[in-house]
């Protein structure tokens, strides 16, 4: 059974930084895409960053501010968020294989 558990969310002032972590347990294929999504109140869930086949893609809204990284073992996924803006406030979810989701971690930027 695959489980994803996020950590590292919290409250930060605009301009600050946070790093989210996602611990992955269970077996996933080495070809699986791993990524981060977020959902703000009243909004649809949106892609933030994704890593697949050695290629990373970031949403235009977070390019040059966020970085996604994946451990070689594919047992952990990270999202380094710098220069945070109030519009980055959302629940952040990690995703594996387009099938598995974490429970989400709240990020609040004020």
C-alpha atoms as a PDB file:
ATOM      1  CA  UNK A   1       0.000   0.000   0.000  1.00  0.00           C
ATOM      2  CA  UNK A   2       1.410   3.361  -1.036  1.00  0.00           C
ATOM      3  CA  UNK A   3       1.192   6.195   1.452  1.00  0.00           C
ATOM      4  CA  UNK A   4       2.314   9.793   1.120  1.00  0.00           C
ATOM      5  CA  UNK A   5       2.769  12.007   4.157  1.00  0.00           C
ATOM      6  CA  UNK A   6       3.521  15.712   3.809  1.00  0.00           C
ATOM      7  CA  UNK A   7       5.210  17.885   6.404  1.00  0.00           C
ATOM      8  CA  UNK A   8       6.750  21.326   6.649  1.00  0.00           C
ATOM      9  CA  UNK A   9       3.746  23.555   6.156  1.00  0.00           C
ATOM     10  CA  UNK A  10       3.052  26.510   8.371  1.00  0.00           C
ATOM     11  CA  UNK A  11       2.629  30.247   8.518  1.00  0.00           C
ATOM     12  CA  UNK A  12       5.191  32.647   7.140  1.00  0.00           C
ATOM     13  CA  UNK A  13       5.398  36.296   6.206  1.00  0.00           C
ATOM     14  CA  UNK A  14       5.510  37.364   2.592  1.00  0.00           C
ATOM     15  CA  UNK A  15       9.026  37.108   1.261  1.00  0.00           C
ATOM     16  CA  UNK A  16       9.854  34.192   3.517  1.00  0.00           C
ATOM     17  CA  UNK A  17      10.682  30.582   2.755  1.00  0.00           C
ATOM     18  CA  UNK A  18       9.374  27.141   3.591  1.00  0.00           C
ATOM     19  CA  UNK A  19      10.382  23.650   2.570  1.00  0.00           C
ATOM     20  CA  UNK A  20       7.744  20.966   2.237  1.00  0.00           C
ATOM     21  CA  UNK A  21       8.629  17.310   2.491  1.00  0.00           C
ATOM     22  CA  UNK A  22       6.715  14.245   1.372  1.00  0.00           C
ATOM     23  CA  UNK A  23       7.616  10.812   2.694  1.00  0.00           C
ATOM     24  CA  UNK A  24       6.613   7.971   0.380  1.00  0.00           C
ATOM     25  CA  UNK A  25       6.107   4.444   1.655  1.00  0.00           C
ATOM     26  CA  UNK A  26       5.205   1.372  -0.330  1.00  0.00           C
ATOM     27  CA  UNK A  27       6.281   0.447  -3.823  1.00  0.00           C
ATOM     28  CA  UNK A  28       5.986   2.836  -6.736  1.00  0.00           C
ATOM     29  CA  UNK A  29       7.389   2.392 -10.196  1.00  0.00           C
ATOM     30  CA  UNK A  30      10.637   4.172 -10.973  1.00  0.00           C
ATOM     31  CA  UNK A  31       8.869   5.706 -13.953  1.00  0.00           C
ATOM     32  CA  UNK A  32       6.190   7.335 -11.833  1.00  0.00           C
ATOM     33  CA  UNK A  33       5.799  11.062 -11.928  1.00  0.00           C
ATOM     34  CA  UNK A  34       6.041  12.770  -8.559  1.00  0.00           C
ATOM     35  CA  UNK A  35       4.713  16.219  -7.925  1.00  0.00           C
ATOM     36  CA  UNK A  36       3.147  18.903  -5.814  1.00  0.00           C
ATOM     37  CA  UNK A  37      -0.297  20.401  -6.218  1.00  0.00           C
ATOM     38  CA  UNK A  38      -2.093  23.050  -4.213  1.00  0.00           C
ATOM     39  CA  UNK A  39      -5.639  24.097  -3.573  1.00  0.00           C
ATOM     40  CA  UNK A  40      -6.645  27.509  -2.287  1.00  0.00           C
ATOM     41  CA  UNK A  41     -10.069  28.084  -0.698  1.00  0.00           C
ATOM     42  CA  UNK A  42     -12.759  28.208  -3.355  1.00  0.00           C
ATOM     43  CA  UNK A  43     -10.310  27.248  -6.073  1.00  0.00           C
ATOM     44  CA  UNK A  44      -9.585  24.073  -7.988  1.00  0.00           C
ATOM     45  CA  UNK A  45      -6.514  22.019  -7.242  1.00  0.00           C
ATOM     46  CA  UNK A  46      -3.646  23.137  -9.465  1.00  0.00           C
ATOM     47  CA  UNK A  47      -0.274  21.786 -10.426  1.00  0.00           C
ATOM     48  CA  UNK A  48       2.679  23.473  -8.749  1.00  0.00           C
ATOM     49  CA  UNK A  49       5.597  21.316  -9.794  1.00  0.00           C
ATOM     50  CA  UNK A  50       6.176  17.872 -11.208  1.00  0.00           C
ATOM     51  CA  UNK A  51       9.173  15.624 -11.783  1.00  0.00           C
ATOM     52  CA  UNK A  52       8.966  12.915 -14.404  1.00  0.00           C
ATOM     53  CA  UNK A  53      11.642  11.046 -16.305  1.00  0.00           C
ATOM     54  CA  UNK A  54      14.343  13.356 -15.047  1.00  0.00           C
ATOM     55  CA  UNK A  55      12.486  16.454 -16.204  1.00  0.00           C
ATOM     56  CA  UNK A  56      10.902  18.977 -13.868  1.00  0.00           C
ATOM     57  CA  UNK A  57       8.108  21.351 -14.741  1.00  0.00           C
ATOM     58  CA  UNK A  58       6.921  24.247 -12.606  1.00  0.00           C
ATOM     59  CA  UNK A  59       3.826  26.375 -12.906  1.00  0.00           C
ATOM     60  CA  UNK A  60       4.502  29.816 -14.330  1.00  0.00           C
ATOM     61  CA  UNK A  61       3.329  31.375 -11.076  1.00  0.00           C
ATOM     62  CA  UNK A  62       6.124  29.736  -9.085  1.00  0.00           C
ATOM     63  CA  UNK A  63       8.990  29.584 -11.553  1.00  0.00           C
ATOM     64  CA  UNK A  64      12.178  31.170 -10.203  1.00  0.00           C
ATOM     65  CA  UNK A  65      10.797  30.892  -6.658  1.00  0.00           C
ATOM     66  CA  UNK A  66      10.058  27.187  -6.057  1.00  0.00           C
ATOM     67  CA  UNK A  67      12.239  24.146  -6.589  1.00  0.00           C
ATOM     68  CA  UNK A  68      11.139  20.514  -6.653  1.00  0.00           C
ATOM     69  CA  UNK A  69      13.547  17.727  -5.807  1.00  0.00           C
ATOM     70  CA  UNK A  70      13.242  13.962  -5.519  1.00  0.00           C
ATOM     71  CA  UNK A  71      15.463  11.534  -3.691  1.00  0.00           C
ATOM     72  CA  UNK A  72      17.022   8.895  -5.934  1.00  0.00           C
ATOM     73  CA  UNK A  73      15.237   6.240  -3.915  1.00  0.00           C
ATOM     74  CA  UNK A  74      11.900   7.950  -4.717  1.00  0.00           C
ATOM     75  CA  UNK A  75      11.076   7.667  -1.039  1.00  0.00           C
ATOM     76  CA  UNK A  76      11.002  11.424  -0.490  1.00  0.00           C
ATOM     77  CA  UNK A  77       9.929  14.486  -2.406  1.00  0.00           C
ATOM     78  CA  UNK A  78      10.616  18.089  -1.521  1.00  0.00           C
ATOM     79  CA  UNK A  79       9.364  21.524  -2.473  1.00  0.00           C
ATOM     80  CA  UNK A  80      11.573  24.461  -1.585  1.00  0.00           C
ATOM     81  CA  UNK A  81       9.512  27.638  -1.637  1.00  0.00           C
ATOM     82  CA  UNK A  82      11.243  31.008  -1.590  1.00  0.00           C
ATOM     83  CA  UNK A  83       9.985  34.576  -1.907  1.00  0.00           C
ATOM     84  CA  UNK A  84       6.555  33.456  -0.812  1.00  0.00           C
ATOM     85  CA  UNK A  85       3.562  35.599  -1.724  1.00  0.00           C
ATOM     86  CA  UNK A  86       0.124  35.828  -0.144  1.00  0.00           C
ATOM     87  CA  UNK A  87      -1.295  34.154  -3.241  1.00  0.00           C
ATOM     88  CA  UNK A  88       0.744  31.053  -2.433  1.00  0.00           C
ATOM     89  CA  UNK A  89      -1.560  30.403   0.510  1.00  0.00           C
ATOM     90  CA  UNK A  90      -3.144  27.002  -0.021  1.00  0.00           C
ATOM     91  CA  UNK A  91      -3.184  23.392   1.065  1.00  0.00           C
ATOM     92  CA  UNK A  92      -0.276  21.658  -0.643  1.00  0.00           C
ATOM     93  CA  UNK A  93      -0.525  18.012  -1.671  1.00  0.00           C
ATOM     94  CA  UNK A  94       2.130  15.633  -2.886  1.00  0.00           C
ATOM     95  CA  UNK A  95       1.218  13.191  -5.625  1.00  0.00           C
ATOM     96  CA  UNK A  96       2.726   9.978  -6.986  1.00  0.00           C
ATOM     97  CA  UNK A  97       1.907   8.216 -10.229  1.00  0.00           C
ATOM     98  CA  UNK A  98      -1.222  10.318 -10.713  1.00  0.00           C
ATOM     99  CA  UNK A  99      -2.831   7.830  -8.348  1.00  0.00           C
ATOM    100  CA  UNK A 100      -1.652   8.464  -4.821  1.00  0.00           C
ATOM    101  CA  UNK A 101      -2.103  11.622  -2.760  1.00  0.00           C
ATOM    102  CA  UNK A 102      -1.014  12.849   0.607  1.00  0.00           C
ATOM    103  CA  UNK A 103      -3.392  14.369   3.111  1.00  0.00           C
ATOM    104  CA  UNK A 104      -2.162  17.875   2.461  1.00  0.00           C
ATOM    105  CA  UNK A 105      -0.297  20.472   4.484  1.00  0.00           C
ATOM    106  CA  UNK A 106      -1.437  24.054   4.981  1.00  0.00           C
ATOM    107  CA  UNK A 107       0.784  26.917   3.878  1.00  0.00           C
ATOM    108  CA  UNK A 108      -0.325  30.385   4.947  1.00  0.00           C
ATOM    109  CA  UNK A 109       1.506  33.491   3.758  1.00  0.00           C
ATOM    110  CA  UNK A 110       0.578  36.818   5.328  1.00  0.00           C
END
